[in-house]
Amino acid sequence: MHIILASASPRRRELIRQIHWEADIEPGHFPEVTDEDEALAFIRKEGLETAFAPFSHTDLVCAVNAFGKAKDAAARKGDALPVVGADTTVVLEGRVLGKPKDKEDAFSMLLSLSGRTHVVKTGMAILYRGKTSLSVTATEVTFRSLSEEEIRKYIETGEPMDKAGAYGIQGIGTLLVDTISGSYDNVVGLPLTVLYEKVNEIVG
């Protein structure tokens, strides 16, 4: 399968290679929404209420960002090939955690996740020849109880700073995790089985 991947993420690129698909990389430039209010404002502005109606309020941020990235990439590259946009968020007790603003924000996020279960959600949008497929995949992740020293040492590696929830499960952040329930690929940033099914569905 040949797709256009609307992402600059090396992690998503590696996941695509894992299933032996070919991807043209065309990062989608979209001013990401960070909360439900911004997501709803975008949906109303674009007249997409029906398309996004199935999603819960904590799904909307990643679903809107995935769609925005895919739409931007398709505007430049066309949609003769499936255009895939994705966005991953971390949700803790109904609160969406995006990428940390600075080290202290990362510390606050990781401390709040310590010893608790959160949900990683990846919104995915696929645009193909005028058709749109939207989905959100969820995985439960439970952290070990972390000491403040552990958290600060992890932050000093630099790994948390560009990742939702301030950790990367495919890197050193795997040591923070006790258990996961659901798709591991989803926590990395792209649920491969869902991608496979949705692309084949939209292509027909």
Protein backbone atom coordinates (compact mmCIF):
# COMPACT_ATOMS: atom_id res chain seq x y z
CA MET A 1 0.00 0.00 0.00
CA HIS A 2 1.21 3.50 -0.88
CA ILE A 3 0.02 6.38 1.31
CA ILE A 4 0.79 10.00 2.08
CA LEU A 5 1.70 10.40 5.76
CA ALA A 6 0.81 13.86 7.06
CA SER A 7 3.34 13.67 9.87
CA ALA A 8 7.00 14.42 10.47
CA SER A 9 7.12 11.94 13.36
CA PRO A 10 9.99 9.45 12.95
CA ARG A 11 8.04 7.07 15.20
CA ARG A 12 5.05 7.00 12.84
CA ARG A 13 7.36 6.62 9.85
CA GLU A 14 9.00 3.59 11.47
CA LEU A 15 5.61 2.04 12.22
CA ILE A 16 4.62 2.39 8.55
CA ARG A 17 7.85 0.67 7.52
CA GLN A 18 7.09 -2.13 9.97
CA ILE A 19 4.09 -3.22 7.87
CA HIS A 20 6.05 -2.78 4.59
CA TRP A 21 3.92 0.10 3.32
CA GLU A 22 5.35 2.94 1.27
CA ALA A 23 4.76 6.46 2.59
CA ASP A 24 5.36 9.87 1.02
CA ILE A 25 6.08 12.18 3.97
CA GLU A 26 4.12 15.43 3.76
CA PRO A 27 3.82 16.96 7.24
CA GLY A 28 0.47 18.64 7.78
CA HIS A 29 0.87 22.21 9.00
CA PHE A 30 -2.07 22.84 11.27
CA PRO A 31 -2.35 25.06 14.36
CA GLU A 32 -3.22 22.29 16.79
CA VAL A 33 -6.16 22.68 19.13
CA THR A 34 -5.34 21.99 22.77
CA ASP A 35 -8.73 21.66 24.44
CA GLU A 36 -12.36 20.81 23.78
CA ASP A 37 -13.46 24.42 23.31
CA GLU A 38 -10.90 25.03 20.56
CA ALA A 39 -11.84 21.72 18.92
CA LEU A 40 -15.56 22.59 18.95
CA ALA A 41 -14.84 26.07 17.53
CA PHE A 42 -12.95 24.47 14.61
CA ILE A 43 -15.72 21.93 14.00
CA ARG A 44 -18.39 24.66 13.90
CA LYS A 45 -16.26 26.87 11.65
CA GLU A 46 -15.74 24.02 9.17
CA GLY A 47 -19.36 22.81 9.38
CA LEU A 48 -18.24 19.33 10.45
CA GLU A 49 -20.69 18.74 13.31
CA THR A 50 -22.05 15.53 11.76
CA ALA A 51 -18.61 14.04 11.02
CA PHE A 52 -17.41 14.57 14.59
CA ALA A 53 -20.70 13.75 16.33
CA PRO A 54 -19.68 10.17 17.30
CA PHE A 55 -16.71 11.32 19.39
CA SER A 56 -16.62 12.03 23.12
CA HIS A 57 -15.30 15.34 24.41
CA THR A 58 -11.87 13.85 25.19
CA ASP A 59 -11.69 12.40 21.66
CA LEU A 60 -12.25 15.72 19.94
CA VAL A 61 -8.78 17.24 20.41
CA CYS A 62 -6.86 14.39 18.76
CA ALA A 63 -9.57 13.80 16.12
CA VAL A 64 -9.62 17.46 15.04
CA ASN A 65 -5.81 17.70 14.96
CA ALA A 66 -5.55 14.52 12.87
CA PHE A 67 -8.13 15.86 10.41
CA GLY A 68 -6.47 19.28 10.21
CA LYS A 69 -3.08 17.76 9.42
CA ALA A 70 -4.51 15.42 6.78
CA LYS A 71 -6.53 18.22 5.17
CA ASP A 72 -3.47 20.49 4.93
CA ALA A 73 -1.32 17.75 3.40
CA ALA A 74 -4.08 16.84 0.92
CA ALA A 75 -4.42 20.48 -0.13
CA ARG A 76 -0.81 20.36 -1.32
CA LYS A 77 -0.44 16.77 -2.50
CA GLY A 78 -3.98 15.86 -3.52
CA ASP A 79 -5.87 12.78 -2.33
CA ALA A 80 -5.30 10.34 -5.21
CA LEU A 81 -3.42 8.32 -2.58
CA PRO A 82 -4.83 7.86 0.95
CA VAL A 83 -3.68 10.81 3.08
CA VAL A 84 -3.21 9.80 6.72
CA GLY A 85 -3.11 12.31 9.57
CA ALA A 86 -2.69 11.32 13.21
CA ASP A 87 -2.53 12.98 16.61
CA THR A 88 -1.92 11.39 20.00
CA THR A 89 -3.09 12.69 23.36
CA VAL A 90 -2.96 11.45 26.94
CA VAL A 91 -6.15 11.65 29.01
CA LEU A 92 -6.08 11.45 32.80
CA GLU A 93 -9.47 11.48 34.53
CA GLY A 94 -11.04 13.49 31.71
CA ARG A 95 -8.17 15.97 31.41
CA VAL A 96 -6.24 16.06 28.13
CA LEU A 97 -2.46 16.22 28.53
CA GLY A 98 -0.63 17.43 25.45
CA LYS A 99 3.08 18.07 24.97
CA PRO A 100 4.77 19.78 27.95
CA LYS A 101 5.53 23.50 27.65
CA ASP A 102 8.75 23.20 29.68
CA LYS A 103 10.55 20.95 32.16
CA GLU A 104 8.35 21.93 35.09
CA ASP A 105 5.23 21.20 33.05
CA ALA A 106 6.71 17.80 32.17
CA PHE A 107 7.45 17.17 35.86
CA SER A 108 3.88 18.07 36.82
CA MET A 109 2.45 15.74 34.15
CA LEU A 110 4.64 12.79 35.08
CA LEU A 111 3.97 13.24 38.79
CA SER A 112 0.23 13.23 38.09
CA LEU A 113 0.58 10.00 36.06
CA SER A 114 2.71 8.24 38.69
CA GLY A 115 1.05 5.11 40.07
CA ARG A 116 -2.14 5.73 38.11
CA THR A 117 -3.91 4.55 34.98
CA HIS A 118 -4.43 6.93 32.06
CA VAL A 119 -5.72 6.56 28.51
CA VAL A 120 -3.67 7.22 25.38
CA LYS A 121 -5.85 8.25 22.44
CA THR A 122 -4.73 8.52 18.83
CA GLY A 123 -7.04 10.30 16.42
CA MET A 124 -6.62 9.26 12.79
CA ALA A 125 -8.02 10.90 9.67
CA ILE A 126 -7.79 9.33 6.22
CA LEU A 127 -8.72 11.38 3.15
CA TYR A 128 -9.07 9.61 -0.20
CA ARG A 129 -10.71 10.82 -3.40
CA GLY A 130 -13.25 12.99 -1.63
CA LYS A 131 -13.98 10.47 1.13
CA THR A 132 -13.08 10.89 4.80
CA SER A 133 -12.55 8.30 7.53
CA LEU A 134 -12.19 9.43 11.15
CA SER A 135 -11.35 7.24 14.12
CA VAL A 136 -10.01 7.42 17.67
CA THR A 137 -8.23 4.45 19.24
CA ALA A 138 -7.74 4.19 23.01
CA THR A 139 -5.21 2.24 25.10
CA GLU A 140 -5.04 2.13 28.91
CA VAL A 141 -1.56 2.61 30.41
CA THR A 142 -0.68 2.20 34.08
CA PHE A 143 2.49 3.79 35.47
CA ARG A 144 4.64 2.50 38.32
CA SER A 145 4.87 4.71 41.38
CA LEU A 146 7.71 7.09 40.52
CA SER A 147 9.98 9.04 42.84
CA GLU A 148 10.59 12.74 42.17
CA GLU A 149 14.25 11.91 41.54
CA GLU A 150 13.31 9.34 38.88
CA ILE A 151 11.05 11.85 37.17
CA ARG A 152 13.71 14.57 37.11
CA LYS A 153 16.35 12.16 35.77
CA TYR A 154 13.98 11.12 33.00
CA ILE A 155 13.25 14.74 32.08
CA GLU A 156 16.99 15.41 31.83
CA THR A 157 17.22 12.86 29.00
CA GLY A 158 15.15 15.29 26.89
CA GLU A 159 12.81 12.51 25.76
CA PRO A 160 9.61 13.85 27.35
CA MET A 161 9.67 17.31 25.79
CA ASP A 162 8.01 16.62 22.42
CA LYS A 163 5.59 13.91 23.51
CA ALA A 164 1.99 13.95 24.73
CA GLY A 165 1.88 13.21 28.43
CA ALA A 166 5.64 13.85 28.63
CA TYR A 167 6.80 10.30 27.94
CA GLY A 168 7.66 7.96 25.07
CA ILE A 169 6.86 4.29 25.60
CA GLN A 170 9.15 3.26 22.74
CA GLY A 171 12.15 4.87 24.48
CA ILE A 172 13.42 5.21 28.05
CA GLY A 173 9.83 5.98 29.04
CA THR A 174 9.04 2.27 28.82
CA LEU A 175 10.64 1.99 32.29
CA LEU A 176 7.86 4.18 33.73
CA VAL A 177 5.14 1.80 32.59
CA ASP A 178 3.78 -1.07 34.66
CA THR A 179 1.07 -2.43 32.32
CA ILE A 180 -0.85 -1.56 29.16
CA SER A 181 -4.25 -2.74 27.98
CA GLY A 182 -4.84 -2.35 24.25
CA SER A 183 -2.69 -1.49 21.23
CA TYR A 184 1.00 -0.80 21.94
CA ASP A 185 1.37 0.83 18.48
CA ASN A 186 -1.36 3.26 19.49
CA VAL A 187 0.71 4.45 22.46
CA VAL A 188 3.69 4.95 20.14
CA GLY A 189 1.49 7.09 17.90
CA LEU A 190 -0.26 5.06 15.19
CA PRO A 191 -2.53 2.03 15.73
CA LEU A 192 -1.41 -0.19 12.86
CA THR A 193 -4.29 -2.65 12.81
CA VAL A 194 -6.85 0.17 12.76
CA LEU A 195 -4.83 1.95 10.04
CA TYR A 196 -4.74 -1.23 7.93
CA GLU A 197 -8.48 -1.80 8.28
CA LYS A 198 -9.51 1.82 7.70
CA VAL A 199 -7.27 2.36 4.65
CA ASN A 200 -8.49 -0.84 2.99
CA GLU A 201 -12.07 0.12 3.83
CA ILE A 202 -11.83 3.61 2.28
CA VAL A 203 -9.88 2.43 -0.78
CA GLY A 204 -12.38 -0.34 -1.35
